[in-house]
Amino acid sequence: MCHAWSEIKYALILVCADNGEMLILDCMGQCKASILDAPKGRTIDAAFSYSLGFVIAVEDNLFFYEADPEGNERAPVTLIGDSCKVKMAGKETFSADRNNNVQCLAMPALEDAIYAVT
């Protein structure tokens, strides 16, 4: 289970369950919506917010969700495109015997890169 707080302009909290369900709560903790295009049945290992929405990690895949700028309460975030796979920096850091699931995400203030810890 993981969570992320959105940028202040959206004031949303993303809560991710072990079964892949994603819920959006308001800043008071009230459930606003269930994300229909969540990766149900798969464990969400990490979540991170950025200026346009949220990024989640499922195993070694990243999914990007954008917040609706109009504040649509029925669909406050939408999956953007397909997932992208995390590529390890070099062969010496990759091991087929090791769990390479993303455990933590970070992004610099310019939002020009995303860093994943496995």
PDB file of N, CA and C in Angstrom:
ATOM      1  N   MET A   1       0.844  -1.172   0.000  1.00  0.00           N
ATOM      2  CA  MET A   1       0.000   0.000   0.000  1.00  0.00           C
ATOM      3  C   MET A   1       0.894   1.241   0.000  1.00  0.00           C
ATOM      4  N   CYS A   2       0.525   2.237  -0.778  1.00  0.00           N
ATOM      5  CA  CYS A   2       1.301   3.469  -0.828  1.00  0.00           C
ATOM      6  C   CYS A   2       0.344   4.637  -1.072  1.00  0.00           C
ATOM      7  N   HIS A   3       0.877   5.842  -0.934  1.00  0.00           N
ATOM      8  CA  HIS A   3       0.057   7.030  -1.153  1.00  0.00           C
ATOM      9  C   HIS A   3       0.938   8.181  -1.628  1.00  0.00           C
ATOM     10  N   ALA A   4       0.294   9.210  -2.157  1.00  0.00           N
ATOM     11  CA  ALA A   4       0.996  10.425  -2.589  1.00  0.00           C
ATOM     12  C   ALA A   4       0.022  11.595  -2.483  1.00  0.00           C
ATOM     13  N   TRP A   5       0.547  12.746  -2.076  1.00  0.00           N
ATOM     14  CA  TRP A   5      -0.224  13.992  -2.006  1.00  0.00           C
ATOM     15  C   TRP A   5       0.033  14.776  -3.285  1.00  0.00           C
ATOM     16  N   SER A   6      -1.030  15.289  -3.901  1.00  0.00           N
ATOM     17  CA  SER A   6      -0.864  16.029  -5.154  1.00  0.00           C
ATOM     18  C   SER A   6      -0.358  17.435  -4.892  1.00  0.00           C
ATOM     19  N   GLU A   7      -0.034  18.088  -5.994  1.00  0.00           N
ATOM     20  CA  GLU A   7       0.308  19.504  -5.942  1.00  0.00           C
ATOM     21  C   GLU A   7      -0.851  20.264  -5.316  1.00  0.00           C
ATOM     22  N   ILE A   8      -0.569  21.363  -4.706  1.00  0.00           N
ATOM     23  CA  ILE A   8      -1.569  22.121  -3.953  1.00  0.00           C
ATOM     24  C   ILE A   8      -2.756  22.560  -4.812  1.00  0.00           C
ATOM     25  N   LYS A   9      -2.560  22.810  -6.114  1.00  0.00           N
ATOM     26  CA  LYS A   9      -3.671  23.298  -6.941  1.00  0.00           C
ATOM     27  C   LYS A   9      -4.773  22.252  -7.121  1.00  0.00           C
ATOM     28  N   TYR A  10      -4.428  20.964  -6.984  1.00  0.00           N
ATOM     29  CA  TYR A  10      -5.439  19.916  -7.111  1.00  0.00           C
ATOM     30  C   TYR A  10      -5.940  19.439  -5.747  1.00  0.00           C
ATOM     31  N   ALA A  11      -5.105  19.503  -4.725  1.00  0.00           N
ATOM     32  CA  ALA A  11      -5.455  19.099  -3.349  1.00  0.00           C
ATOM     33  C   ALA A  11      -6.073  17.702  -3.311  1.00  0.00           C
ATOM     34  N   LEU A  12      -5.384  16.747  -3.929  1.00  0.00           N
ATOM     35  CA  LEU A  12      -5.846  15.364  -3.957  1.00  0.00           C
ATOM     36  C   LEU A  12      -4.851  14.460  -3.233  1.00  0.00           C
ATOM     37  N   ILE A  13      -5.357  13.366  -2.707  1.00  0.00           N
ATOM     38  CA  ILE A  13      -4.514  12.335  -2.116  1.00  0.00           C
ATOM     39  C   ILE A  13      -4.795  11.054  -2.888  1.00  0.00           C
ATOM     40  N   LEU A  14      -3.741  10.426  -3.383  1.00  0.00           N
ATOM     41  CA  LEU A  14      -3.863   9.145  -4.064  1.00  0.00           C
ATOM     42  C   LEU A  14      -3.511   8.051  -3.073  1.00  0.00           C
ATOM     43  N   VAL A  15      -4.382   7.082  -2.915  1.00  0.00           N
ATOM     44  CA  VAL A  15      -4.131   5.934  -2.042  1.00  0.00           C
ATOM     45  C   VAL A  15      -4.186   4.690  -2.910  1.00  0.00           C
ATOM     46  N   CYS A  16      -3.119   3.893  -2.853  1.00  0.00           N
ATOM     47  CA  CYS A  16      -3.013   2.690  -3.666  1.00  0.00           C
ATOM     48  C   CYS A  16      -3.019   1.458  -2.765  1.00  0.00           C
ATOM     49  N   ALA A  17      -3.845   0.488  -3.092  1.00  0.00           N
ATOM     50  CA  ALA A  17      -3.951  -0.743  -2.311  1.00  0.00           C
ATOM     51  C   ALA A  17      -3.093  -1.849  -2.929  1.00  0.00           C
ATOM     52  N   ASP A  18      -2.842  -2.884  -2.157  1.00  0.00           N
ATOM     53  CA  ASP A  18      -2.028  -4.006  -2.623  1.00  0.00           C
ATOM     54  C   ASP A  18      -2.654  -4.735  -3.809  1.00  0.00           C
ATOM     55  N   ASN A  19      -3.969  -4.635  -3.969  1.00  0.00           N
ATOM     56  CA  ASN A  19      -4.642  -5.334  -5.060  1.00  0.00           C
ATOM     57  C   ASN A  19      -4.730  -4.493  -6.340  1.00  0.00           C
ATOM     58  N   GLY A  20      -4.045  -3.342  -6.367  1.00  0.00           N
ATOM     59  CA  GLY A  20      -4.029  -2.494  -7.551  1.00  0.00           C
ATOM     60  C   GLY A  20      -5.129  -1.456  -7.603  1.00  0.00           C
ATOM     61  N   GLU A  21      -5.986  -1.437  -6.609  1.00  0.00           N
ATOM     62  CA  GLU A  21      -7.041  -0.434  -6.578  1.00  0.00           C
ATOM     63  C   GLU A  21      -6.451   0.915  -6.203  1.00  0.00           C
ATOM     64  N   MET A  22      -6.946   1.977  -6.832  1.00  0.00           N
ATOM     65  CA  MET A  22      -6.495   3.340  -6.566  1.00  0.00           C
ATOM     66  C   MET A  22      -7.696   4.200  -6.210  1.00  0.00           C
ATOM     67  N   LEU A  23      -7.582   4.913  -5.091  1.00  0.00           N
ATOM     68  CA  LEU A  23      -8.642   5.807  -4.646  1.00  0.00           C
ATOM     69  C   LEU A  23      -8.119   7.229  -4.591  1.00  0.00           C
ATOM     70  N   ILE A  24      -8.970   8.176  -4.927  1.00  0.00           N
ATOM     71  CA  ILE A  24      -8.645   9.595  -4.792  1.00  0.00           C
ATOM     72  C   ILE A  24      -9.448  10.136  -3.619  1.00  0.00           C
ATOM     73  N   LEU A  25      -8.747  10.777  -2.689  1.00  0.00           N
ATOM     74  CA  LEU A  25      -9.378  11.404  -1.534  1.00  0.00           C
ATOM     75  C   LEU A  25      -9.162  12.906  -1.622  1.00  0.00           C
ATOM     76  N   ASP A  26     -10.059  13.669  -1.004  1.00  0.00           N
ATOM     77  CA  ASP A  26      -9.824  15.106  -0.935  1.00  0.00           C
ATOM     78  C   ASP A  26      -8.884  15.399   0.233  1.00  0.00           C
ATOM     79  N   CYS A  27      -8.545  16.650   0.429  1.00  0.00           N
ATOM     80  CA  CYS A  27      -7.571  17.007   1.458  1.00  0.00           C
ATOM     81  C   CYS A  27      -8.084  16.762   2.877  1.00  0.00           C
ATOM     82  N   MET A  28      -9.377  16.486   3.029  1.00  0.00           N
ATOM     83  CA  MET A  28      -9.948  16.155   4.333  1.00  0.00           C
ATOM     84  C   MET A  28     -10.018  14.644   4.549  1.00  0.00           C
ATOM     85  N   GLY A  29      -9.604  13.867   3.528  1.00  0.00           N
ATOM     86  CA  GLY A  29      -9.600  12.408   3.651  1.00  0.00           C
ATOM     87  C   GLY A  29     -10.862  11.721   3.190  1.00  0.00           C
ATOM     88  N   GLN A  30     -11.802  12.460   2.603  1.00  0.00           N
ATOM     89  CA  GLN A  30     -13.026  11.849   2.098  1.00  0.00           C
ATOM     90  C   GLN A  30     -12.783  11.267   0.716  1.00  0.00           C
ATOM     91  N   CYS A  31     -13.274  10.053   0.492  1.00  0.00           N
ATOM     92  CA  CYS A  31     -13.108   9.394  -0.804  1.00  0.00           C
ATOM     93  C   CYS A  31     -13.909  10.137  -1.861  1.00  0.00           C
ATOM     94  N   LYS A  32     -13.236  10.508  -2.950  1.00  0.00           N
ATOM     95  CA  LYS A  32     -13.874  11.230  -4.053  1.00  0.00           C
ATOM     96  C   LYS A  32     -14.149  10.324  -5.247  1.00  0.00           C
ATOM     97  N   ALA A  33     -13.212   9.386  -5.518  1.00  0.00           N
ATOM     98  CA  ALA A  33     -13.374   8.540  -6.702  1.00  0.00           C
ATOM     99  C   ALA A  33     -12.475   7.321  -6.621  1.00  0.00           C
ATOM    100  N   SER A  34     -12.892   6.288  -7.328  1.00  0.00           N
ATOM    101  CA  SER A  34     -12.062   5.110  -7.551  1.00  0.00           C
ATOM    102  C   SER A  34     -11.559   5.215  -8.988  1.00  0.00           C
ATOM    103  N   ILE A  35     -10.281   5.004  -9.210  1.00  0.00           N
ATOM    104  CA  ILE A  35      -9.701   5.144 -10.551  1.00  0.00           C
ATOM    105  C   ILE A  35     -10.015   3.892 -11.369  1.00  0.00           C
ATOM    106  N   LEU A  36     -10.809   4.045 -12.412  1.00  0.00           N
ATOM    107  CA  LEU A  36     -11.268   2.907 -13.198  1.00  0.00           C
ATOM    108  C   LEU A  36     -10.155   2.245 -13.997  1.00  0.00           C
ATOM    109  N   ASP A  37      -9.166   3.020 -14.457  1.00  0.00           N
ATOM    110  CA  ASP A  37      -8.076   2.428 -15.249  1.00  0.00           C
ATOM    111  C   ASP A  37      -6.845   2.120 -14.387  1.00  0.00           C
ATOM    112  N   ALA A  38      -7.078   1.808 -13.115  1.00  0.00           N
ATOM    113  CA  ALA A  38      -6.001   1.378 -12.217  1.00  0.00           C
ATOM    114  C   ALA A  38      -5.573  -0.037 -12.602  1.00  0.00           C
ATOM    115  N   PRO A  39      -4.339  -0.416 -12.271  1.00  0.00           N
ATOM    116  CA  PRO A  39      -3.852  -1.763 -12.623  1.00  0.00           C
ATOM    117  C   PRO A  39      -4.363  -2.823 -11.641  1.00  0.00           C
ATOM    118  N   LYS A  40      -5.659  -3.035 -11.624  1.00  0.00           N
ATOM    119  CA  LYS A  40      -6.277  -3.955 -10.656  1.00  0.00           C
ATOM    120  C   LYS A  40      -5.677  -5.357 -10.780  1.00  0.00           C
ATOM    121  N   GLY A  41      -5.485  -5.976  -9.620  1.00  0.00           N
ATOM    122  CA  GLY A  41      -4.901  -7.314  -9.578  1.00  0.00           C
ATOM    123  C   GLY A  41      -3.384  -7.309  -9.520  1.00  0.00           C
ATOM    124  N   ARG A  42      -2.779  -6.132  -9.577  1.00  0.00           N
ATOM    125  CA  ARG A  42      -1.309  -6.018  -9.526  1.00  0.00           C
ATOM    126  C   ARG A  42      -0.943  -5.081  -8.374  1.00  0.00           C
ATOM    127  N   THR A  43       0.105  -5.408  -7.654  1.00  0.00           N
ATOM    128  CA  THR A  43       0.530  -4.598  -6.526  1.00  0.00           C
ATOM    129  C   THR A  43       1.186  -3.310  -6.996  1.00  0.00           C
ATOM    130  N   ILE A  44       0.726  -2.193  -6.467  1.00  0.00           N
ATOM    131  CA  ILE A  44       1.340  -0.896  -6.748  1.00  0.00           C
ATOM    132  C   ILE A  44       2.407  -0.678  -5.684  1.00  0.00           C
ATOM    133  N   ASP A  45       3.666  -0.609  -6.114  1.00  0.00           N
ATOM    134  CA  ASP A  45       4.794  -0.556  -5.185  1.00  0.00           C
ATOM    135  C   ASP A  45       5.160   0.846  -4.741  1.00  0.00           C
ATOM    136  N   ALA A  46       4.893   1.857  -5.569  1.00  0.00           N
ATOM    137  CA  ALA A  46       5.280   3.232  -5.232  1.00  0.00           C
ATOM    138  C   ALA A  46       4.367   4.212  -5.966  1.00  0.00           C
ATOM    139  N   ALA A  47       4.203   5.389  -5.375  1.00  0.00           N
ATOM    140  CA  ALA A  47       3.422   6.469  -5.998  1.00  0.00           C
ATOM    141  C   ALA A  47       4.143   7.780  -5.740  1.00  0.00           C
ATOM    142  N   PHE A  48       4.048   8.685  -6.715  1.00  0.00           N
ATOM    143  CA  PHE A  48       4.703   9.987  -6.602  1.00  0.00           C
ATOM    144  C   PHE A  48       3.847  11.014  -7.325  1.00  0.00           C
ATOM    145  N   SER A  49       3.713  12.205  -6.761  1.00  0.00           N
ATOM    146  CA  SER A  49       2.946  13.246  -7.441  1.00  0.00           C
ATOM    147  C   SER A  49       3.891  14.214  -8.137  1.00  0.00           C
ATOM    148  N   TYR A  50       3.418  14.788  -9.212  1.00  0.00           N
ATOM    149  CA  TYR A  50       4.155  15.843  -9.929  1.00  0.00           C
ATOM    150  C   TYR A  50       3.118  16.856 -10.406  1.00  0.00           C
ATOM    151  N   SER A  51       3.544  17.897 -11.067  1.00  0.00           N
ATOM    152  CA  SER A  51       2.661  19.031 -11.360  1.00  0.00           C
ATOM    153  C   SER A  51       1.429  18.664 -12.191  1.00  0.00           C
ATOM    154  N   LEU A  52       1.494  17.619 -13.005  1.00  0.00           N
ATOM    155  CA  LEU A  52       0.352  17.249 -13.842  1.00  0.00           C
ATOM    156  C   LEU A  52      -0.512  16.146 -13.255  1.00  0.00           C
ATOM    157  N   GLY A  53      -0.013  15.457 -12.234  1.00  0.00           N
ATOM    158  CA  GLY A  53      -0.781  14.350 -11.674  1.00  0.00           C
ATOM    159  C   GLY A  53       0.063  13.423 -10.819  1.00  0.00           C
ATOM    160  N   PHE A  54       0.019  12.120 -11.159  1.00  0.00           N
ATOM    161  CA  PHE A  54       0.705  11.098 -10.375  1.00  0.00           C
ATOM    162  C   PHE A  54       1.450  10.114 -11.269  1.00  0.00           C
ATOM    163  N   VAL A  55       2.493   9.524 -10.729  1.00  0.00           N
ATOM    164  CA  VAL A  55       3.200   8.405 -11.351  1.00  0.00           C
ATOM    165  C   VAL A  55       3.110   7.259 -10.364  1.00  0.00           C
ATOM    166  N   ILE A  56       2.788   6.058 -10.857  1.00  0.00           N
ATOM    167  CA  ILE A  56       2.816   4.888  -9.988  1.00  0.00           C
ATOM    168  C   ILE A  56       3.753   3.850 -10.574  1.00  0.00           C
ATOM    169  N   ALA A  57       4.296   3.004  -9.706  1.00  0.00           N
ATOM    170  CA  ALA A  57       5.181   1.919 -10.129  1.00  0.00           C
ATOM    171  C   ALA A  57       4.517   0.590  -9.802  1.00  0.00           C
ATOM    172  N   VAL A  58       4.458  -0.274 -10.812  1.00  0.00           N
ATOM    173  CA  VAL A  58       3.964  -1.639 -10.661  1.00  0.00           C
ATOM    174  C   VAL A  58       5.077  -2.533 -11.178  1.00  0.00           C
ATOM    175  N   GLU A  59       5.729  -3.247 -10.263  1.00  0.00           N
ATOM    176  CA  GLU A  59       6.921  -4.036 -10.573  1.00  0.00           C
ATOM    177  C   GLU A  59       7.966  -3.099 -11.170  1.00  0.00           C
ATOM    178  N   ASP A  60       8.370  -3.285 -12.426  1.00  0.00           N
ATOM    179  CA  ASP A  60       9.350  -2.386 -13.042  1.00  0.00           C
ATOM    180  C   ASP A  60       8.719  -1.555 -14.167  1.00  0.00           C
ATOM    181  N   ASN A  61       7.423  -1.279 -14.028  1.00  0.00           N
ATOM    182  CA  ASN A  61       6.685  -0.459 -14.992  1.00  0.00           C
ATOM    183  C   ASN A  61       6.188   0.811 -14.320  1.00  0.00           C
ATOM    184  N   LEU A  62       6.204   1.911 -15.066  1.00  0.00           N
ATOM    185  CA  LEU A  62       5.676   3.178 -14.583  1.00  0.00           C
ATOM    186  C   LEU A  62       4.415   3.528 -15.361  1.00  0.00           C
ATOM    187  N   PHE A  63       3.407   4.029 -14.640  1.00  0.00           N
ATOM    188  CA  PHE A  63       2.158   4.480 -15.235  1.00  0.00           C
ATOM    189  C   PHE A  63       1.975   5.945 -14.852  1.00  0.00           C
ATOM    190  N   PHE A  64       1.622   6.778 -15.824  1.00  0.00           N
ATOM    191  CA  PHE A  64       1.433   8.209 -15.588  1.00  0.00           C
ATOM    192  C   PHE A  64      -0.058   8.546 -15.668  1.00  0.00           C
ATOM    193  N   TYR A  65      -0.527   9.259 -14.656  1.00  0.00           N
ATOM    194  CA  TYR A  65      -1.919   9.701 -14.590  1.00  0.00           C
ATOM    195  C   TYR A  65      -1.930  11.221 -14.504  1.00  0.00           C
ATOM    196  N   GLU A  66      -2.758  11.854 -15.334  1.00  0.00           N
ATOM    197  CA  GLU A  66      -2.877  13.317 -15.296  1.00  0.00           C
ATOM    198  C   GLU A  66      -4.163  13.716 -14.588  1.00  0.00           C
ATOM    199  N   ALA A  67      -4.058  14.759 -13.769  1.00  0.00           N
ATOM    200  CA  ALA A  67      -5.236  15.310 -13.101  1.00  0.00           C
ATOM    201  C   ALA A  67      -6.048  16.125 -14.094  1.00  0.00           C
ATOM    202  N   ASP A  68      -7.352  16.091 -13.941  1.00  0.00           N
ATOM    203  CA  ASP A  68      -8.239  16.884 -14.791  1.00  0.00           C
ATOM    204  C   ASP A  68      -8.200  18.334 -14.320  1.00  0.00           C
ATOM    205  N   PRO A  69      -7.733  19.263 -15.175  1.00  0.00           N
ATOM    206  CA  PRO A  69      -7.635  20.663 -14.754  1.00  0.00           C
ATOM    207  C   PRO A  69      -8.997  21.293 -14.434  1.00  0.00           C
ATOM    208  N   GLU A  70     -10.088  20.698 -14.943  1.00  0.00           N
ATOM    209  CA  GLU A  70     -11.430  21.206 -14.671  1.00  0.00           C
ATOM    210  C   GLU A  70     -11.975  20.695 -13.346  1.00  0.00           C
ATOM    211  N   GLY A  71     -11.252  19.760 -12.703  1.00  0.00           N
ATOM    212  CA  GLY A  71     -11.702  19.237 -11.411  1.00  0.00           C
ATOM    213  C   GLY A  71     -12.859  18.260 -11.508  1.00  0.00           C
ATOM    214  N   ASN A  72     -12.896  17.470 -12.572  1.00  0.00           N
ATOM    215  CA  ASN A  72     -13.940  16.466 -12.759  1.00  0.00           C
ATOM    216  C   ASN A  72     -13.934  15.488 -11.580  1.00  0.00           C
ATOM    217  N   GLU A  73     -14.975  15.478 -10.779  1.00  0.00           N
ATOM    218  CA  GLU A  73     -15.018  14.621  -9.599  1.00  0.00           C
ATOM    219  C   GLU A  73     -15.238  13.160  -9.939  1.00  0.00           C
ATOM    220  N   ARG A  74     -15.840  12.850 -11.073  1.00  0.00           N
ATOM    221  CA  ARG A  74     -16.074  11.451 -11.460  1.00  0.00           C
ATOM    222  C   ARG A  74     -14.819  10.798 -11.996  1.00  0.00           C
ATOM    223  N   ALA A  75     -13.942  11.578 -12.617  1.00  0.00           N
ATOM    224  CA  ALA A  75     -12.678  11.063 -13.160  1.00  0.00           C
ATOM    225  C   ALA A  75     -11.587  12.100 -12.904  1.00  0.00           C
ATOM    226  N   PRO A  76     -11.138  12.211 -11.634  1.00  0.00           N
ATOM    227  CA  PRO A  76     -10.169  13.258 -11.303  1.00  0.00           C
ATOM    228  C   PRO A  76      -8.784  13.054 -11.913  1.00  0.00           C
ATOM    229  N   VAL A  77      -8.429  11.813 -12.240  1.00  0.00           N
ATOM    230  CA  VAL A  77      -7.169  11.546 -12.937  1.00  0.00           C
ATOM    231  C   VAL A  77      -7.408  10.522 -14.036  1.00  0.00           C
ATOM    232  N   THR A  78      -6.588  10.607 -15.098  1.00  0.00           N
ATOM    233  CA  THR A  78      -6.724   9.727 -16.253  1.00  0.00           C
ATOM    234  C   THR A  78      -5.367   9.151 -16.621  1.00  0.00           C
ATOM    235  N   LEU A  79      -5.341   7.858 -16.933  1.00  0.00           N
ATOM    236  CA  LEU A  79      -4.118   7.206 -17.394  1.00  0.00           C
ATOM    237  C   LEU A  79      -3.706   7.795 -18.731  1.00  0.00           C
ATOM    238  N   ILE A  80      -2.423   8.163 -18.845  1.00  0.00           N
ATOM    239  CA  ILE A  80      -1.900   8.755 -20.070  1.00  0.00           C
ATOM    240  C   ILE A  80      -1.026   7.717 -20.780  1.00  0.00           C
ATOM    241  N   GLY A  81      -1.482   7.236 -21.918  1.00  0.00           N
ATOM    242  CA  GLY A  81      -0.703   6.284 -22.718  1.00  0.00           C
ATOM    243  C   GLY A  81      -0.523   4.936 -22.054  1.00  0.00           C
ATOM    244  N   ASP A  82       0.464   4.193 -22.556  1.00  0.00           N
ATOM    245  CA  ASP A  82       0.799   2.883 -22.012  1.00  0.00           C
ATOM    246  C   ASP A  82       1.841   3.040 -20.913  1.00  0.00           C
ATOM    247  N   SER A  83       2.097   1.952 -20.213  1.00  0.00           N
ATOM    248  CA  SER A  83       3.148   1.994 -19.189  1.00  0.00           C
ATOM    249  C   SER A  83       4.506   2.015 -19.873  1.00  0.00           C
ATOM    250  N   CYS A  84       5.510   2.445 -19.138  1.00  0.00           N
ATOM    251  CA  CYS A  84       6.875   2.375 -19.651  1.00  0.00           C
ATOM    252  C   CYS A  84       7.706   1.553 -18.669  1.00  0.00           C
ATOM    253  N   LYS A  85       8.613   0.778 -19.191  1.00  0.00           N
ATOM    254  CA  LYS A  85       9.431  -0.118 -18.383  1.00  0.00           C
ATOM    255  C   LYS A  85      10.678   0.621 -17.918  1.00  0.00           C
ATOM    256  N   VAL A  86      11.067   0.395 -16.666  1.00  0.00           N
ATOM    257  CA  VAL A  86      12.273   0.995 -16.109  1.00  0.00           C
ATOM    258  C   VAL A  86      13.471   0.221 -16.618  1.00  0.00           C
ATOM    259  N   LYS A  87      14.412   0.928 -17.206  1.00  0.00           N
ATOM    260  CA  LYS A  87      15.632   0.297 -17.701  1.00  0.00           C
ATOM    261  C   LYS A  87      16.739   0.543 -16.684  1.00  0.00           C
ATOM    262  N   MET A  88      17.413  -0.511 -16.301  1.00  0.00           N
ATOM    263  CA  MET A  88      18.488  -0.405 -15.318  1.00  0.00           C
ATOM    264  C   MET A  88      19.675   0.341 -15.933  1.00  0.00           C
ATOM    265  N   ALA A  89      20.450   1.033 -15.103  1.00  0.00           N
ATOM    266  CA  ALA A  89      21.557   1.876 -15.554  1.00  0.00           C
ATOM    267  C   ALA A  89      22.662   1.086 -16.237  1.00  0.00           C
ATOM    268  N   GLY A  90      22.951  -0.096 -15.780  1.00  0.00           N
ATOM    269  CA  GLY A  90      24.015  -0.889 -16.378  1.00  0.00           C
ATOM    270  C   GLY A  90      23.862  -2.352 -16.020  1.00  0.00           C
ATOM    271  N   LYS A  91      24.544  -3.203 -16.742  1.00  0.00           N
ATOM    272  CA  LYS A  91      24.422  -4.636 -16.491  1.00  0.00           C
ATOM    273  C   LYS A  91      24.817  -5.015 -15.064  1.00  0.00           C
ATOM    274  N   GLU A  92      25.791  -4.312 -14.512  1.00  0.00           N
ATOM    275  CA  GLU A  92      26.253  -4.656 -13.170  1.00  0.00           C
ATOM    276  C   GLU A  92      25.192  -4.423 -12.097  1.00  0.00           C
ATOM    277  N   THR A  93      24.172  -3.606 -12.384  1.00  0.00           N
ATOM    278  CA  THR A  93      23.123  -3.356 -11.393  1.00  0.00           C
ATOM    279  C   THR A  93      21.934  -4.279 -11.577  1.00  0.00           C
ATOM    280  N   PHE A  94      21.883  -5.035 -12.673  1.00  0.00           N
ATOM    281  CA  PHE A  94      20.752  -5.903 -12.945  1.00  0.00           C
ATOM    282  C   PHE A  94      21.083  -7.341 -12.604  1.00  0.00           C
ATOM    283  N   SER A  95      20.142  -8.005 -11.972  1.00  0.00           N
ATOM    284  CA  SER A  95      20.294  -9.416 -11.665  1.00  0.00           C
ATOM    285  C   SER A  95      18.952 -10.092 -11.867  1.00  0.00           C
ATOM    286  N   ALA A  96      18.940 -11.152 -12.654  1.00  0.00           N
ATOM    287  CA  ALA A  96      17.701 -11.887 -12.889  1.00  0.00           C
ATOM    288  C   ALA A  96      17.225 -12.555 -11.600  1.00  0.00           C
ATOM    289  N   ASP A  97      18.144 -12.793 -10.675  1.00  0.00           N
ATOM    290  CA  ASP A  97      17.789 -13.429  -9.409  1.00  0.00           C
ATOM    291  C   ASP A  97      17.250 -12.445  -8.393  1.00  0.00           C
ATOM    292  N   ARG A  98      17.432 -11.174  -8.638  1.00  0.00           N
ATOM    293  CA  ARG A  98      17.049 -10.134  -7.690  1.00  0.00           C
ATOM    294  C   ARG A  98      15.696  -9.524  -8.063  1.00  0.00           C
ATOM    295  N   ASN A  99      14.972  -9.090  -7.078  1.00  0.00           N
ATOM    296  CA  ASN A  99      13.717  -8.393  -7.316  1.00  0.00           C
ATOM    297  C   ASN A  99      14.050  -6.976  -7.802  1.00  0.00           C
ATOM    298  N   ASN A 100      13.695  -6.644  -9.021  1.00  0.00           N
ATOM    299  CA  ASN A 100      13.976  -5.331  -9.594  1.00  0.00           C
ATOM    300  C   ASN A 100      12.754  -4.424  -9.581  1.00  0.00           C
ATOM    301  N   ASN A 101      11.784  -4.716  -8.716  1.00  0.00           N
ATOM    302  CA  ASN A 101      10.596  -3.871  -8.612  1.00  0.00           C
ATOM    303  C   ASN A 101      10.971  -2.507  -8.061  1.00  0.00           C
ATOM    304  N   VAL A 102      10.336  -1.476  -8.594  1.00  0.00           N
ATOM    305  CA  VAL A 102      10.559  -0.112  -8.122  1.00  0.00           C
ATOM    306  C   VAL A 102       9.940   0.023  -6.730  1.00  0.00           C
ATOM    307  N   GLN A 103      10.717   0.517  -5.785  1.00  0.00           N
ATOM    308  CA  GLN A 103      10.246   0.688  -4.410  1.00  0.00           C
ATOM    309  C   GLN A 103       9.990   2.151  -4.052  1.00  0.00           C
ATOM    310  N   CYS A 104      10.632   3.070  -4.783  1.00  0.00           N
ATOM    311  CA  CYS A 104      10.536   4.490  -4.458  1.00  0.00           C
ATOM    312  C   CYS A 104      10.766   5.312  -5.725  1.00  0.00           C
ATOM    313  N   LEU A 105      10.064   6.430  -5.838  1.00  0.00           N
ATOM    314  CA  LEU A 105      10.207   7.327  -6.986  1.00  0.00           C
ATOM    315  C   LEU A 105      10.550   8.729  -6.500  1.00  0.00           C
ATOM    316  N   ALA A 106      11.321   9.447  -7.312  1.00  0.00           N
ATOM    317  CA  ALA A 106      11.663  10.842  -7.019  1.00  0.00           C
ATOM    318  C   ALA A 106      11.802  11.591  -8.334  1.00  0.00           C
ATOM    319  N   MET A 107      11.586  12.911  -8.272  1.00  0.00           N
ATOM    320  CA  MET A 107      11.669  13.752  -9.466  1.00  0.00           C
ATOM    321  C   MET A 107      12.235  15.105  -9.053  1.00  0.00           C
ATOM    322  N   PRO A 108      13.179  15.654  -9.844  1.00  0.00           N
ATOM    323  CA  PRO A 108      13.692  16.988  -9.509  1.00  0.00           C
ATOM    324  C   PRO A 108      12.629  18.062  -9.765  1.00  0.00           C
ATOM    325  N   ALA A 109      12.846  19.239  -9.235  1.00  0.00           N
ATOM    326  CA  ALA A 109      11.876  20.336  -9.340  1.00  0.00           C
ATOM    327  C   ALA A 109      11.535  20.692 -10.791  1.00  0.00           C
ATOM    328  N   LEU A 110      12.494  20.555 -11.707  1.00  0.00           N
ATOM    329  CA  LEU A 110      12.226  20.862 -13.124  1.00  0.00           C
ATOM    330  C   LEU A 110      11.366  19.800 -13.804  1.00  0.00           C
ATOM    331  N   GLU A 111      11.193  18.651 -13.156  1.00  0.00           N
ATOM    332  CA  GLU A 111      10.414  17.535 -13.683  1.00  0.00           C
ATOM    333  C   GLU A 111      10.915  17.075 -15.048  1.00  0.00           C
ATOM    334  N   ASP A 112      12.228  17.093 -15.222  1.00  0.00           N
ATOM    335  CA  ASP A 112      12.815  16.674 -16.493  1.00  0.00           C
ATOM    336  C   ASP A 112      13.409  15.269 -16.419  1.00  0.00           C
ATOM    337  N   ALA A 113      13.243  14.606 -15.292  1.00  0.00           N
ATOM    338  CA  ALA A 113      13.737  13.237 -15.113  1.00  0.00           C
ATOM    339  C   ALA A 113      12.936  12.594 -13.991  1.00  0.00           C
ATOM    340  N   ILE A 114      12.968  11.277 -13.954  1.00  0.00           N
ATOM    341  CA  ILE A 114      12.365  10.561 -12.825  1.00  0.00           C
ATOM    342  C   ILE A 114      13.367   9.501 -12.384  1.00  0.00           C
ATOM    343  N   TYR A 115      13.518   9.370 -11.082  1.00  0.00           N
ATOM    344  CA  TYR A 115      14.481   8.423 -10.515  1.00  0.00           C
ATOM    345  C   TYR A 115      13.716   7.333  -9.780  1.00  0.00           C
ATOM    346  N   ALA A 116      14.171   6.104  -9.966  1.00  0.00           N
ATOM    347  CA  ALA A 116      13.515   4.954  -9.348  1.00  0.00           C
ATOM    348  C   ALA A 116      14.538   4.166  -8.547  1.00  0.00           C
ATOM    349  N   VAL A 117      14.154   3.797  -7.334  1.00  0.00           N
ATOM    350  CA  VAL A 117      14.990   2.946  -6.491  1.00  0.00           C
ATOM    351  C   VAL A 117      14.371   1.562  -6.492  1.00  0.00           C
ATOM    352  N   THR A 118      15.196   0.556  -6.769  1.00  0.00           N
ATOM    353  CA  THR A 118      14.694  -0.826  -6.789  1.00  0.00           C
ATOM    354  C   THR A 118      15.196  -1.590  -5.589  1.00  0.00           C
TER     355      THR A 118
END
